Amino acid sequence: MSYPVPVDEQQRLQDLQSYDILDTAAEAAYDALVKLAAYICGTPVALVSLVDRQRQWFKSAFGFDCRETPRDVAFCAHAICQPSDVMIVEDAPRDARFADNPLVTGDPHIRFYAGAPLVSRQGHALGTLCVIDTVPRHLSAEQCEALRTLSQAVITQLELRRSNHELSERNRHLEQMALLDPLTGLFNRRALDLRLREEMQRHRRHGQACSLLLLDVDRFKDYNDSFGHLCGDELLRRLAACLRTSLRGSDIVCRYGGEEFVVILPATAGPEADFSAARLCQDIAASDWPCRPITVSVGVATAADDDDAVVLLERADRALYWAKEHGRNRAVHSDKLTAIVDNDEVS
């Protein structure tokens, strides 16, 4: 079998793919339209058929169990070549195009076919709304017009689906942007609050370890004063890239504010967190920085049984303060601070 190919075939296929409709589940709106088409035209079968590259696929089928057929036996493959007309085959065995078609000579024994092309807003015929019978028949002008009107209703549903999908994607993008720091591209403070709360819930419910790093660029104010705020911004962007490279893919890196960053380490106990913090200090100190070398101080905290997100951050902050007060370019775990340091030096 062979079939004609529309002159706009490539554009037509691209248009069809843009609806993201192929191989989706049945939907009531399309099912209602094919039932109405069958009722108006008095046929036992009605289909919303979309003509793909090598097949026709049925988004909705009334009176027909098959979900797709090869394109080379599809009546609709012919109908889409005449996008402005309803294609009518009143008696298929008497039509040279379809007399030896296996859908005519065998099951489902098509004799009558009428297909109204589904023409997109871009002017491409994506498929048809078609009605089928096993006996020859004739459609009145009113029935043809009704079939054409229903085909436009199918296009309206497709356009609505695409618009909703685009709106969802736009909203998802906006939500993502709302969680990102515009300077570094890292998660922002809002995202930190959400993700840290999630990790602490896992910690409390399932006993999963969780650690946190709070790091600060040493003498960043001096850097800004010496080289300017534009250079300071570039330093923060480079530092963000360095953090992504040095940490695991599962670690959650956030800009906490100014020159401070927070790293959430899921499923990470104290010794592993200490190792990650020490490696960060080494990697950053060894990196090639513009203007002058850069180091960071890091406060480390590992969640205890009764900790919440606020307490964990406070413990990391105390450890960071101690690290900066005792030489910088080092990582200190909050669990290793003595009570004297906590009470006398930090408070």
C-alpha atoms as a PDB file:
ATOM      1  CA  MET A   1       0.000   0.000   0.000  1.00  0.00           C
ATOM      2  CA  SER A   2       1.070   3.598  -0.552  1.00  0.00           C
ATOM      3  CA  TYR A   3      -0.284   6.926   0.508  1.00  0.00           C
ATOM      4  CA  PRO A   4       0.046  10.539  -0.623  1.00  0.00           C
ATOM      5  CA  VAL A   5       2.291  12.848   1.360  1.00  0.00           C
ATOM      6  CA  PRO A   6       1.159  16.419   2.057  1.00  0.00           C
ATOM      7  CA  VAL A   7       3.363  19.150   0.650  1.00  0.00           C
ATOM      8  CA  ASP A   8       3.840  20.538   4.173  1.00  0.00           C
ATOM      9  CA  GLU A   9       4.709  17.147   5.687  1.00  0.00           C
ATOM     10  CA  GLN A  10       7.708  18.194   7.773  1.00  0.00           C
ATOM     11  CA  GLN A  11       6.011  21.288   9.147  1.00  0.00           C
ATOM     12  CA  ARG A  12       2.855  19.253   9.743  1.00  0.00           C
ATOM     13  CA  LEU A  13       4.727  16.646  11.780  1.00  0.00           C
ATOM     14  CA  GLN A  14       6.501  19.333  13.808  1.00  0.00           C
ATOM     15  CA  ASP A  15       3.153  20.962  14.493  1.00  0.00           C
ATOM     16  CA  LEU A  16       1.670  17.637  15.578  1.00  0.00           C
ATOM     17  CA  GLN A  17       4.575  16.962  17.941  1.00  0.00           C
ATOM     18  CA  SER A  18       4.186  20.398  19.516  1.00  0.00           C
ATOM     19  CA  TYR A  19       0.820  19.368  20.978  1.00  0.00           C
ATOM     20  CA  ASP A  20       2.450  16.520  22.953  1.00  0.00           C
ATOM     21  CA  ILE A  21      -0.746  14.507  22.476  1.00  0.00           C
ATOM     22  CA  LEU A  22       0.419  11.247  20.899  1.00  0.00           C
ATOM     23  CA  ASP A  23       0.112   8.144  23.105  1.00  0.00           C
ATOM     24  CA  THR A  24      -1.694   9.992  25.873  1.00  0.00           C
ATOM     25  CA  ALA A  25      -4.585   8.500  27.821  1.00  0.00           C
ATOM     26  CA  ALA A  26      -8.221   8.827  26.822  1.00  0.00           C
ATOM     27  CA  GLU A  27      -9.943  12.074  27.780  1.00  0.00           C
ATOM     28  CA  ALA A  28     -13.646  12.682  28.247  1.00  0.00           C
ATOM     29  CA  ALA A  29     -13.747  15.802  26.067  1.00  0.00           C
ATOM     30  CA  TYR A  30     -12.549  13.930  22.970  1.00  0.00           C
ATOM     31  CA  ASP A  31     -14.709  10.890  23.742  1.00  0.00           C
ATOM     32  CA  ALA A  32     -17.791  13.105  23.870  1.00  0.00           C
ATOM     33  CA  LEU A  33     -16.990  14.602  20.473  1.00  0.00           C
ATOM     34  CA  VAL A  34     -16.586  11.244  18.718  1.00  0.00           C
ATOM     35  CA  LYS A  35     -19.826   9.944  20.224  1.00  0.00           C
ATOM     36  CA  LEU A  36     -21.610  13.050  19.001  1.00  0.00           C
ATOM     37  CA  ALA A  37     -20.080  12.644  15.536  1.00  0.00           C
ATOM     38  CA  ALA A  38     -21.252   9.030  15.350  1.00  0.00           C
ATOM     39  CA  TYR A  39     -24.745  10.028  16.496  1.00  0.00           C
ATOM     40  CA  ILE A  40     -25.090  12.901  14.008  1.00  0.00           C
ATOM     41  CA  CYS A  41     -23.773  10.867  11.081  1.00  0.00           C
ATOM     42  CA  GLY A  42     -25.562   7.647  12.066  1.00  0.00           C
ATOM     43  CA  THR A  43     -22.415   5.503  11.989  1.00  0.00           C
ATOM     44  CA  PRO A  44     -21.259   2.777  14.380  1.00  0.00           C
ATOM     45  CA  VAL A  45     -17.682   4.085  14.451  1.00  0.00           C
ATOM     46  CA  ALA A  46     -16.133   7.506  14.967  1.00  0.00           C
ATOM     47  CA  LEU A  47     -12.479   8.364  15.613  1.00  0.00           C
ATOM     48  CA  VAL A  48     -10.140  11.227  16.388  1.00  0.00           C
ATOM     49  CA  SER A  49      -7.211  10.130  14.253  1.00  0.00           C
ATOM     50  CA  LEU A  50      -3.792  11.794  14.329  1.00  0.00           C
ATOM     51  CA  VAL A  51      -1.485  10.944  11.450  1.00  0.00           C
ATOM     52  CA  ASP A  52       2.069  10.414  12.681  1.00  0.00           C
ATOM     53  CA  ARG A  53       5.139   9.707  10.555  1.00  0.00           C
ATOM     54  CA  GLN A  54       4.461   5.985  10.056  1.00  0.00           C
ATOM     55  CA  ARG A  55       1.078   5.435  11.706  1.00  0.00           C
ATOM     56  CA  GLN A  56      -2.296   6.859  12.502  1.00  0.00           C
ATOM     57  CA  TRP A  57      -3.032   6.963  16.216  1.00  0.00           C
ATOM     58  CA  PHE A  58      -6.488   7.338  17.711  1.00  0.00           C
ATOM     59  CA  LYS A  59      -6.823   9.829  20.537  1.00  0.00           C
ATOM     60  CA  SER A  60     -10.447   8.755  20.904  1.00  0.00           C
ATOM     61  CA  ALA A  61     -12.353   5.843  19.423  1.00  0.00           C
ATOM     62  CA  PHE A  62     -16.061   5.055  19.510  1.00  0.00           C
ATOM     63  CA  GLY A  63     -17.042   1.582  18.309  1.00  0.00           C
ATOM     64  CA  PHE A  64     -13.453   0.611  17.477  1.00  0.00           C
ATOM     65  CA  ASP A  65     -10.990  -1.189  19.766  1.00  0.00           C
ATOM     66  CA  CYS A  66      -7.711  -0.623  17.932  1.00  0.00           C
ATOM     67  CA  ARG A  67      -5.487   2.280  19.108  1.00  0.00           C
ATOM     68  CA  GLU A  68      -3.465   2.696  15.906  1.00  0.00           C
ATOM     69  CA  THR A  69      -2.921   1.368  12.394  1.00  0.00           C
ATOM     70  CA  PRO A  70      -0.067   1.712   9.898  1.00  0.00           C
ATOM     71  CA  ARG A  71      -0.211   4.933   7.944  1.00  0.00           C
ATOM     72  CA  ASP A  72      -0.108   3.130   4.614  1.00  0.00           C
ATOM     73  CA  VAL A  73      -3.597   1.684   5.183  1.00  0.00           C
ATOM     74  CA  ALA A  74      -5.081   4.828   6.758  1.00  0.00           C
ATOM     75  CA  PHE A  75      -7.930   6.567   4.964  1.00  0.00           C
ATOM     76  CA  CYS A  76      -6.989   9.613   7.006  1.00  0.00           C
ATOM     77  CA  ALA A  77      -3.574   9.710   5.326  1.00  0.00           C
ATOM     78  CA  HIS A  78      -5.463  10.689   2.172  1.00  0.00           C
ATOM     79  CA  ALA A  79      -7.855  13.056   3.914  1.00  0.00           C
ATOM     80  CA  ILE A  80      -5.080  15.264   5.360  1.00  0.00           C
ATOM     81  CA  CYS A  81      -3.920  16.064   1.818  1.00  0.00           C
ATOM     82  CA  GLN A  82      -7.164  18.018   1.340  1.00  0.00           C
ATOM     83  CA  PRO A  83      -7.266  20.089   4.552  1.00  0.00           C
ATOM     84  CA  SER A  84     -10.127  22.325   3.411  1.00  0.00           C
ATOM     85  CA  ASP A  85     -12.533  19.513   2.491  1.00  0.00           C
ATOM     86  CA  VAL A  86     -14.377  16.674   4.187  1.00  0.00           C
ATOM     87  CA  MET A  87     -13.196  13.544   2.374  1.00  0.00           C
ATOM     88  CA  ILE A  88     -16.051  11.143   1.737  1.00  0.00           C
ATOM     89  CA  VAL A  89     -15.759   7.582   0.469  1.00  0.00           C
ATOM     90  CA  GLU A  90     -19.310   6.305   0.041  1.00  0.00           C
ATOM     91  CA  ASP A  91     -18.395   2.757  -1.033  1.00  0.00           C
ATOM     92  CA  ALA A  92     -14.733   1.835  -0.491  1.00  0.00           C
ATOM     93  CA  PRO A  93     -14.608  -1.339  -2.665  1.00  0.00           C
ATOM     94  CA  ARG A  94     -15.641   0.836  -5.629  1.00  0.00           C
ATOM     95  CA  ASP A  95     -12.877   3.385  -4.932  1.00  0.00           C
ATOM     96  CA  ALA A  96      -9.581   2.525  -6.644  1.00  0.00           C
ATOM     97  CA  ARG A  97      -7.599   4.025  -3.780  1.00  0.00           C
ATOM     98  CA  PHE A  98      -9.064   1.648  -1.209  1.00  0.00           C
ATOM     99  CA  ALA A  99     -10.457  -1.383  -3.031  1.00  0.00           C
ATOM    100  CA  ASP A 100      -7.576  -3.634  -1.962  1.00  0.00           C
ATOM    101  CA  ASN A 101      -7.011  -1.971   1.429  1.00  0.00           C
ATOM    102  CA  PRO A 102      -6.832  -4.664   4.164  1.00  0.00           C
ATOM    103  CA  LEU A 103      -9.191  -2.583   6.314  1.00  0.00           C
ATOM    104  CA  VAL A 104     -11.704  -2.918   3.478  1.00  0.00           C
ATOM    105  CA  THR A 105     -11.081  -6.510   2.388  1.00  0.00           C
ATOM    106  CA  GLY A 106     -10.760  -7.672   6.011  1.00  0.00           C
ATOM    107  CA  ASP A 107     -11.715  -6.601   9.512  1.00  0.00           C
ATOM    108  CA  PRO A 108     -13.294  -4.071  10.177  1.00  0.00           C
ATOM    109  CA  HIS A 109     -14.637  -4.238   6.568  1.00  0.00           C
ATOM    110  CA  ILE A 110     -14.865  -0.506   5.956  1.00  0.00           C
ATOM    111  CA  ARG A 111     -17.338   0.491   3.271  1.00  0.00           C
ATOM    112  CA  PHE A 112     -18.098   4.092   4.179  1.00  0.00           C
ATOM    113  CA  TYR A 113     -15.676   6.758   5.431  1.00  0.00           C
ATOM    114  CA  ALA A 114     -15.979  10.494   6.010  1.00  0.00           C
ATOM    115  CA  GLY A 115     -13.119  12.473   7.512  1.00  0.00           C
ATOM    116  CA  ALA A 116     -12.987  16.161   8.426  1.00  0.00           C
ATOM    117  CA  PRO A 117      -9.336  17.254   8.672  1.00  0.00           C
ATOM    118  CA  LEU A 118      -8.100  18.598  11.999  1.00  0.00           C
ATOM    119  CA  VAL A 119      -6.415  21.787  10.827  1.00  0.00           C
ATOM    120  CA  SER A 120      -4.219  23.546  13.360  1.00  0.00           C
ATOM    121  CA  ARG A 121      -3.971  27.294  13.759  1.00  0.00           C
ATOM    122  CA  GLN A 122      -0.745  27.061  11.785  1.00  0.00           C
ATOM    123  CA  GLY A 123      -2.730  25.627   8.849  1.00  0.00           C
ATOM    124  CA  HIS A 124      -1.475  22.040   8.997  1.00  0.00           C
ATOM    125  CA  ALA A 125      -3.749  18.998   8.897  1.00  0.00           C
ATOM    126  CA  LEU A 126      -2.833  16.883  11.923  1.00  0.00           C
ATOM    127  CA  GLY A 127      -5.375  14.126  11.317  1.00  0.00           C
ATOM    128  CA  THR A 128      -9.150  13.873  11.103  1.00  0.00           C
ATOM    129  CA  LEU A 129     -12.363  13.486  12.968  1.00  0.00           C
ATOM    130  CA  CYS A 130     -13.797  10.632  10.962  1.00  0.00           C
ATOM    131  CA  VAL A 131     -16.871   8.406  10.903  1.00  0.00           C
ATOM    132  CA  ILE A 132     -16.909   4.862   9.511  1.00  0.00           C
ATOM    133  CA  ASP A 133     -19.533   2.284   8.582  1.00  0.00           C
ATOM    134  CA  THR A 134     -19.572  -1.249   7.223  1.00  0.00           C
ATOM    135  CA  VAL A 135     -22.270  -0.417   4.670  1.00  0.00           C
ATOM    136  CA  PRO A 136     -22.314   2.203   1.913  1.00  0.00           C
ATOM    137  CA  ARG A 137     -23.986   5.455   2.840  1.00  0.00           C
ATOM    138  CA  HIS A 138     -24.325   9.130   2.005  1.00  0.00           C
ATOM    139  CA  LEU A 139     -23.928  12.197   4.226  1.00  0.00           C
ATOM    140  CA  SER A 140     -26.201  15.185   3.878  1.00  0.00           C
ATOM    141  CA  ALA A 141     -24.784  18.690   3.592  1.00  0.00           C
ATOM    142  CA  GLU A 142     -25.897  19.314   7.174  1.00  0.00           C
ATOM    143  CA  GLN A 143     -24.078  16.223   8.431  1.00  0.00           C
ATOM    144  CA  CYS A 144     -20.905  17.241   6.587  1.00  0.00           C
ATOM    145  CA  GLU A 145     -21.069  20.704   8.102  1.00  0.00           C
ATOM    146  CA  ALA A 146     -21.635  19.230  11.563  1.00  0.00           C
ATOM    147  CA  LEU A 147     -18.621  16.948  11.121  1.00  0.00           C
ATOM    148  CA  ARG A 148     -16.497  19.933  10.090  1.00  0.00           C
ATOM    149  CA  THR A 149     -17.717  21.909  13.115  1.00  0.00           C
ATOM    150  CA  LEU A 150     -16.896  19.038  15.453  1.00  0.00           C
ATOM    151  CA  SER A 151     -13.412  18.772  13.936  1.00  0.00           C
ATOM    152  CA  GLN A 152     -12.879  22.419  14.871  1.00  0.00           C
ATOM    153  CA  ALA A 153     -13.994  21.581  18.407  1.00  0.00           C
ATOM    154  CA  VAL A 154     -11.299  18.886  18.510  1.00  0.00           C
ATOM    155  CA  ILE A 155      -8.713  21.480  17.480  1.00  0.00           C
ATOM    156  CA  THR A 156     -10.009  23.769  20.219  1.00  0.00           C
ATOM    157  CA  GLN A 157      -9.377  20.989  22.739  1.00  0.00           C
ATOM    158  CA  LEU A 158      -5.880  20.441  21.363  1.00  0.00           C
ATOM    159  CA  GLU A 159      -5.106  24.150  21.548  1.00  0.00           C
ATOM    160  CA  LEU A 160      -6.466  24.317  25.085  1.00  0.00           C
ATOM    161  CA  ARG A 161      -4.281  21.382  26.070  1.00  0.00           C
ATOM    162  CA  ARG A 162      -1.194  23.035  24.587  1.00  0.00           C
ATOM    163  CA  SER A 163      -1.997  26.375  26.216  1.00  0.00           C
ATOM    164  CA  ASN A 164      -2.432  24.696  29.599  1.00  0.00           C
ATOM    165  CA  HIS A 165       0.851  22.841  29.132  1.00  0.00           C
ATOM    166  CA  GLU A 166       2.672  26.042  28.189  1.00  0.00           C
ATOM    167  CA  LEU A 167       1.133  27.839  31.162  1.00  0.00           C
ATOM    168  CA  SER A 168       2.197  25.020  33.487  1.00  0.00           C
ATOM    169  CA  GLU A 169       5.731  25.124  32.096  1.00  0.00           C
ATOM    170  CA  ARG A 170       5.838  28.902  32.484  1.00  0.00           C
ATOM    171  CA  ASN A 171       4.611  28.665  36.065  1.00  0.00           C
ATOM    172  CA  ARG A 172       7.117  25.921  36.822  1.00  0.00           C
ATOM    173  CA  HIS A 173       9.889  28.089  35.398  1.00  0.00           C
ATOM    174  CA  LEU A 174       8.758  31.064  37.482  1.00  0.00           C
ATOM    175  CA  GLU A 175       8.637  28.889  40.591  1.00  0.00           C
ATOM    176  CA  GLN A 176      12.155  27.688  39.904  1.00  0.00           C
ATOM    177  CA  MET A 177      13.378  31.227  39.327  1.00  0.00           C
ATOM    178  CA  ALA A 178      11.805  32.286  42.626  1.00  0.00           C
ATOM    179  CA  LEU A 179      14.027  29.722  44.359  1.00  0.00           C
ATOM    180  CA  LEU A 180      17.285  30.804  42.706  1.00  0.00           C
ATOM    181  CA  ASP A 181      19.781  33.475  43.631  1.00  0.00           C
ATOM    182  CA  PRO A 182      20.108  35.738  40.559  1.00  0.00           C
ATOM    183  CA  LEU A 183      23.815  36.402  41.047  1.00  0.00           C
ATOM    184  CA  THR A 184      25.151  32.875  41.529  1.00  0.00           C
ATOM    185  CA  GLY A 185      22.358  30.678  40.160  1.00  0.00           C
ATOM    186  CA  LEU A 186      22.396  28.702  43.416  1.00  0.00           C
ATOM    187  CA  PHE A 187      19.323  28.084  45.550  1.00  0.00           C
ATOM    188  CA  ASN A 188      18.334  31.150  47.562  1.00  0.00           C
ATOM    189  CA  ARG A 189      17.306  31.556  51.197  1.00  0.00           C
ATOM    190  CA  ARG A 190      13.696  30.591  50.476  1.00  0.00           C
ATOM    191  CA  ALA A 191      14.809  27.377  48.790  1.00  0.00           C
ATOM    192  CA  LEU A 192      17.165  26.680  51.691  1.00  0.00           C
ATOM    193  CA  ASP A 193      14.291  26.913  54.168  1.00  0.00           C
ATOM    194  CA  LEU A 194      12.186  24.499  52.098  1.00  0.00           C
ATOM    195  CA  ARG A 195      14.915  21.932  51.430  1.00  0.00           C
ATOM    196  CA  LEU A 196      16.339  22.002  54.950  1.00  0.00           C
ATOM    197  CA  ARG A 197      12.857  21.477  56.387  1.00  0.00           C
ATOM    198  CA  GLU A 198      12.426  18.441  54.115  1.00  0.00           C
ATOM    199  CA  GLU A 199      15.758  16.947  55.162  1.00  0.00           C
ATOM    200  CA  MET A 200      15.031  17.486  58.841  1.00  0.00           C
ATOM    201  CA  GLN A 201      11.670  15.735  58.428  1.00  0.00           C
ATOM    202  CA  ARG A 202      13.493  12.726  56.950  1.00  0.00           C
ATOM    203  CA  HIS A 203      15.913  12.870  59.848  1.00  0.00           C
ATOM    204  CA  ARG A 204      13.165  12.821  62.474  1.00  0.00           C
ATOM    205  CA  ARG A 205      10.883  10.300  60.774  1.00  0.00           C
ATOM    206  CA  HIS A 206      13.412   7.825  59.427  1.00  0.00           C
ATOM    207  CA  GLY A 207      16.544   8.493  61.452  1.00  0.00           C
ATOM    208  CA  GLN A 208      18.456   9.551  58.350  1.00  0.00           C
ATOM    209  CA  ALA A 209      21.617  11.487  59.154  1.00  0.00           C
ATOM    210  CA  CYS A 210      21.810  15.077  57.979  1.00  0.00           C
ATOM    211  CA  SER A 211      24.643  17.588  58.232  1.00  0.00           C
ATOM    212  CA  LEU A 212      25.034  21.188  57.232  1.00  0.00           C
ATOM    213  CA  LEU A 213      27.946  23.443  56.263  1.00  0.00           C
ATOM    214  CA  LEU A 214      27.797  27.203  56.732  1.00  0.00           C
ATOM    215  CA  LEU A 215      30.724  28.868  55.017  1.00  0.00           C
ATOM    216  CA  ASP A 216      31.881  32.446  54.739  1.00  0.00           C
ATOM    217  CA  VAL A 217      34.459  34.054  52.431  1.00  0.00           C
ATOM    218  CA  ASP A 218      37.357  35.261  54.575  1.00  0.00           C
ATOM    219  CA  ARG A 219      37.909  39.033  54.537  1.00  0.00           C
ATOM    220  CA  PHE A 220      35.374  39.555  51.763  1.00  0.00           C
ATOM    221  CA  LYS A 221      34.793  43.186  52.783  1.00  0.00           C
ATOM    222  CA  ASP A 222      38.478  43.911  52.271  1.00  0.00           C
ATOM    223  CA  TYR A 223      38.258  42.243  48.848  1.00  0.00           C
ATOM    224  CA  ASN A 224      35.327  44.471  47.856  1.00  0.00           C
ATOM    225  CA  ASP A 225      37.049  47.577  49.189  1.00  0.00           C
ATOM    226  CA  SER A 226      40.261  46.757  47.314  1.00  0.00           C
ATOM    227  CA  PHE A 227      38.900  45.597  43.956  1.00  0.00           C
ATOM    228  CA  GLY A 228      35.321  46.895  43.777  1.00  0.00           C
ATOM    229  CA  HIS A 229      31.900  45.335  44.012  1.00  0.00           C
ATOM    230  CA  LEU A 230      31.881  44.076  40.422  1.00  0.00           C
ATOM    231  CA  CYS A 231      34.971  41.996  41.170  1.00  0.00           C
ATOM    232  CA  GLY A 232      33.296  40.888  44.396  1.00  0.00           C
ATOM    233  CA  ASP A 233      30.252  39.694  42.450  1.00  0.00           C
ATOM    234  CA  GLU A 234      32.464  37.808  40.021  1.00  0.00           C
ATOM    235  CA  LEU A 235      34.237  36.166  42.954  1.00  0.00           C
ATOM    236  CA  LEU A 236      30.905  34.952  44.361  1.00  0.00           C
ATOM    237  CA  ARG A 237      29.902  33.533  40.966  1.00  0.00           C
ATOM    238  CA  ARG A 238      33.198  31.665  40.699  1.00  0.00           C
ATOM    239  CA  LEU A 239      32.886  30.419  44.236  1.00  0.00           C
ATOM    240  CA  ALA A 240      29.408  29.074  43.467  1.00  0.00           C
ATOM    241  CA  ALA A 241      30.856  27.152  40.507  1.00  0.00           C
ATOM    242  CA  CYS A 242      33.659  25.830  42.714  1.00  0.00           C
ATOM    243  CA  LEU A 243      31.149  24.599  45.300  1.00  0.00           C
ATOM    244  CA  ARG A 244      29.165  22.735  42.644  1.00  0.00           C
ATOM    245  CA  THR A 245      32.339  21.059  41.382  1.00  0.00           C
ATOM    246  CA  SER A 246      33.711  20.083  44.792  1.00  0.00           C
ATOM    247  CA  LEU A 247      30.496  18.663  46.274  1.00  0.00           C
ATOM    248  CA  ARG A 248      28.366  15.625  45.509  1.00  0.00           C
ATOM    249  CA  GLY A 249      25.460  15.855  43.104  1.00  0.00           C
ATOM    250  CA  SER A 250      23.071  15.102  45.957  1.00  0.00           C
ATOM    251  CA  ASP A 251      24.345  17.974  48.107  1.00  0.00           C
ATOM    252  CA  ILE A 252      22.195  21.100  48.161  1.00  0.00           C
ATOM    253  CA  VAL A 253      24.114  24.358  47.748  1.00  0.00           C
ATOM    254  CA  CYS A 254      22.463  27.662  48.677  1.00  0.00           C
ATOM    255  CA  ARG A 255      23.498  31.269  48.931  1.00  0.00           C
ATOM    256  CA  TYR A 256      22.594  32.268  52.463  1.00  0.00           C
ATOM    257  CA  GLY A 257      23.219  35.980  52.017  1.00  0.00           C
ATOM    258  CA  GLY A 258      26.133  38.254  51.185  1.00  0.00           C
ATOM    259  CA  GLU A 259      29.272  36.137  51.102  1.00  0.00           C
ATOM    260  CA  GLU A 260      27.761  33.288  53.159  1.00  0.00           C
ATOM    261  CA  PHE A 261      26.752  29.948  51.667  1.00  0.00           C
ATOM    262  CA  VAL A 262      24.996  26.918  53.120  1.00  0.00           C
ATOM    263  CA  VAL A 263      25.459  23.343  51.983  1.00  0.00           C
ATOM    264  CA  ILE A 264      22.944  20.704  53.067  1.00  0.00           C
ATOM    265  CA  LEU A 265      24.532  17.247  53.158  1.00  0.00           C
ATOM    266  CA  PRO A 266      21.731  14.646  53.051  1.00  0.00           C
ATOM    267  CA  ALA A 267      22.415  11.226  54.587  1.00  0.00           C
ATOM    268  CA  THR A 268      25.733  12.487  55.953  1.00  0.00           C
ATOM    269  CA  ALA A 269      27.003  11.917  59.485  1.00  0.00           C
ATOM    270  CA  GLY A 270      29.554  14.022  61.376  1.00  0.00           C
ATOM    271  CA  PRO A 271      32.845  12.457  60.170  1.00  0.00           C
ATOM    272  CA  GLU A 272      31.769  12.585  56.526  1.00  0.00           C
ATOM    273  CA  ALA A 273      30.643  16.188  56.956  1.00  0.00           C
ATOM    274  CA  ASP A 274      34.019  17.090  58.489  1.00  0.00           C
ATOM    275  CA  PHE A 275      35.764  15.495  55.520  1.00  0.00           C
ATOM    276  CA  SER A 276      33.591  17.413  53.016  1.00  0.00           C
ATOM    277  CA  ALA A 277      34.214  20.707  54.839  1.00  0.00           C
ATOM    278  CA  ALA A 278      37.975  20.184  54.994  1.00  0.00           C
ATOM    279  CA  ARG A 279      38.094  19.269  51.320  1.00  0.00           C
ATOM    280  CA  LEU A 280      36.116  22.404  50.461  1.00  0.00           C
ATOM    281  CA  CYS A 281      38.591  24.583  52.322  1.00  0.00           C
ATOM    282  CA  GLN A 282      41.488  22.917  50.509  1.00  0.00           C
ATOM    283  CA  ASP A 283      39.866  23.089  47.052  1.00  0.00           C
ATOM    284  CA  ILE A 284      38.949  26.746  47.415  1.00  0.00           C
ATOM    285  CA  ALA A 285      42.355  27.746  48.759  1.00  0.00           C
ATOM    286  CA  ALA A 286      44.064  25.874  45.905  1.00  0.00           C
ATOM    287  CA  SER A 287      41.886  27.333  43.134  1.00  0.00           C
ATOM    288  CA  ASP A 288      43.024  30.059  40.774  1.00  0.00           C
ATOM    289  CA  TRP A 289      41.244  33.273  41.811  1.00  0.00           C
ATOM    290  CA  PRO A 290      41.363  36.682  40.172  1.00  0.00           C
ATOM    291  CA  CYS A 291      42.943  39.562  42.074  1.00  0.00           C
ATOM    292  CA  ARG A 292      44.194  37.530  45.075  1.00  0.00           C
ATOM    293  CA  PRO A 293      43.930  34.110  46.753  1.00  0.00           C
ATOM    294  CA  ILE A 294      40.674  33.296  48.521  1.00  0.00           C
ATOM    295  CA  THR A 295      39.953  31.168  51.568  1.00  0.00           C
ATOM    296  CA  VAL A 296      36.766  30.284  53.434  1.00  0.00           C
ATOM    297  CA  SER A 297      35.827  29.431  56.999  1.00  0.00           C
ATOM    298  CA  VAL A 298      33.261  26.696  57.577  1.00  0.00           C
ATOM    299  CA  GLY A 299      30.976  25.848  60.455  1.00  0.00           C
ATOM    300  CA  VAL A 300      29.747  22.246  60.484  1.00  0.00           C
ATOM    301  CA  ALA A 301      26.692  20.875  62.300  1.00  0.00           C
ATOM    302  CA  THR A 302      25.152  17.411  62.305  1.00  0.00           C
ATOM    303  CA  ALA A 303      21.510  17.016  63.265  1.00  0.00           C
ATOM    304  CA  ALA A 304      20.786  15.630  66.720  1.00  0.00           C
ATOM    305  CA  ASP A 305      17.580  13.780  67.542  1.00  0.00           C
ATOM    306  CA  ASP A 306      15.741  16.850  68.868  1.00  0.00           C
ATOM    307  CA  ASP A 307      17.123  19.407  66.393  1.00  0.00           C
ATOM    308  CA  ASP A 308      15.013  21.398  64.002  1.00  0.00           C
ATOM    309  CA  ALA A 309      16.209  23.474  61.051  1.00  0.00           C
ATOM    310  CA  VAL A 310      16.640  26.634  63.115  1.00  0.00           C
ATOM    311  CA  VAL A 311      18.713  24.899  65.785  1.00  0.00           C
ATOM    312  CA  LEU A 312      20.908  23.191  63.202  1.00  0.00           C
ATOM    313  CA  LEU A 313      21.650  26.507  61.488  1.00  0.00           C
ATOM    314  CA  GLU A 314      22.375  28.176  64.829  1.00  0.00           C
ATOM    315  CA  ARG A 315      24.874  25.464  65.757  1.00  0.00           C
ATOM    316  CA  ALA A 316      26.628  25.780  62.394  1.00  0.00           C
ATOM    317  CA  ASP A 317      26.696  29.556  62.816  1.00  0.00           C
ATOM    318  CA  ARG A 318      28.384  29.277  66.232  1.00  0.00           C
ATOM    319  CA  ALA A 319      30.999  26.933  64.786  1.00  0.00           C
ATOM    320  CA  LEU A 320      31.592  29.308  61.867  1.00  0.00           C
ATOM    321  CA  TYR A 321      32.035  32.230  64.258  1.00  0.00           C
ATOM    322  CA  TRP A 322      34.615  30.264  66.245  1.00  0.00           C
ATOM    323  CA  ALA A 323      36.489  29.290  63.052  1.00  0.00           C
ATOM    324  CA  LYS A 324      36.701  32.911  61.928  1.00  0.00           C
ATOM    325  CA  GLU A 325      37.808  34.095  65.368  1.00  0.00           C
ATOM    326  CA  HIS A 326      40.578  31.473  65.510  1.00  0.00           C
ATOM    327  CA  GLY A 327      42.496  31.952  62.294  1.00  0.00           C
ATOM    328  CA  ARG A 328      40.035  31.492  59.396  1.00  0.00           C
ATOM    329  CA  ASN A 329      40.612  29.099  56.468  1.00  0.00           C
ATOM    330  CA  ARG A 330      39.428  26.196  58.560  1.00  0.00           C
ATOM    331  CA  ALA A 331      36.382  24.030  59.250  1.00  0.00           C
ATOM    332  CA  VAL A 332      35.049  23.481  62.762  1.00  0.00           C
ATOM    333  CA  HIS A 333      32.311  21.074  63.814  1.00  0.00           C
ATOM    334  CA  SER A 334      29.864  22.401  66.398  1.00  0.00           C
ATOM    335  CA  ASP A 335      29.989  19.109  68.328  1.00  0.00           C
ATOM    336  CA  LYS A 336      33.691  19.715  69.029  1.00  0.00           C
ATOM    337  CA  LEU A 337      33.251  23.124  70.645  1.00  0.00           C
ATOM    338  CA  THR A 338      33.656  22.879  74.403  1.00  0.00           C
ATOM    339  CA  ALA A 339      31.098  24.295  76.789  1.00  0.00           C
ATOM    340  CA  ILE A 340      33.601  27.004  77.723  1.00  0.00           C
ATOM    341  CA  VAL A 341      33.945  28.116  74.097  1.00  0.00           C
ATOM    342  CA  ASP A 342      30.181  28.036  73.654  1.00  0.00           C
ATOM    343  CA  ASN A 343      29.489  30.065  76.782  1.00  0.00           C
ATOM    344  CA  ASP A 344      32.431  32.450  76.927  1.00  0.00           C
ATOM    345  CA  GLU A 345      33.626  33.022  73.395  1.00  0.00           C
ATOM    346  CA  VAL A 346      30.530  32.573  71.246  1.00  0.00           C
ATOM    347  CA  SER A 347      27.777  34.096  73.346  1.00  0.00           C
END
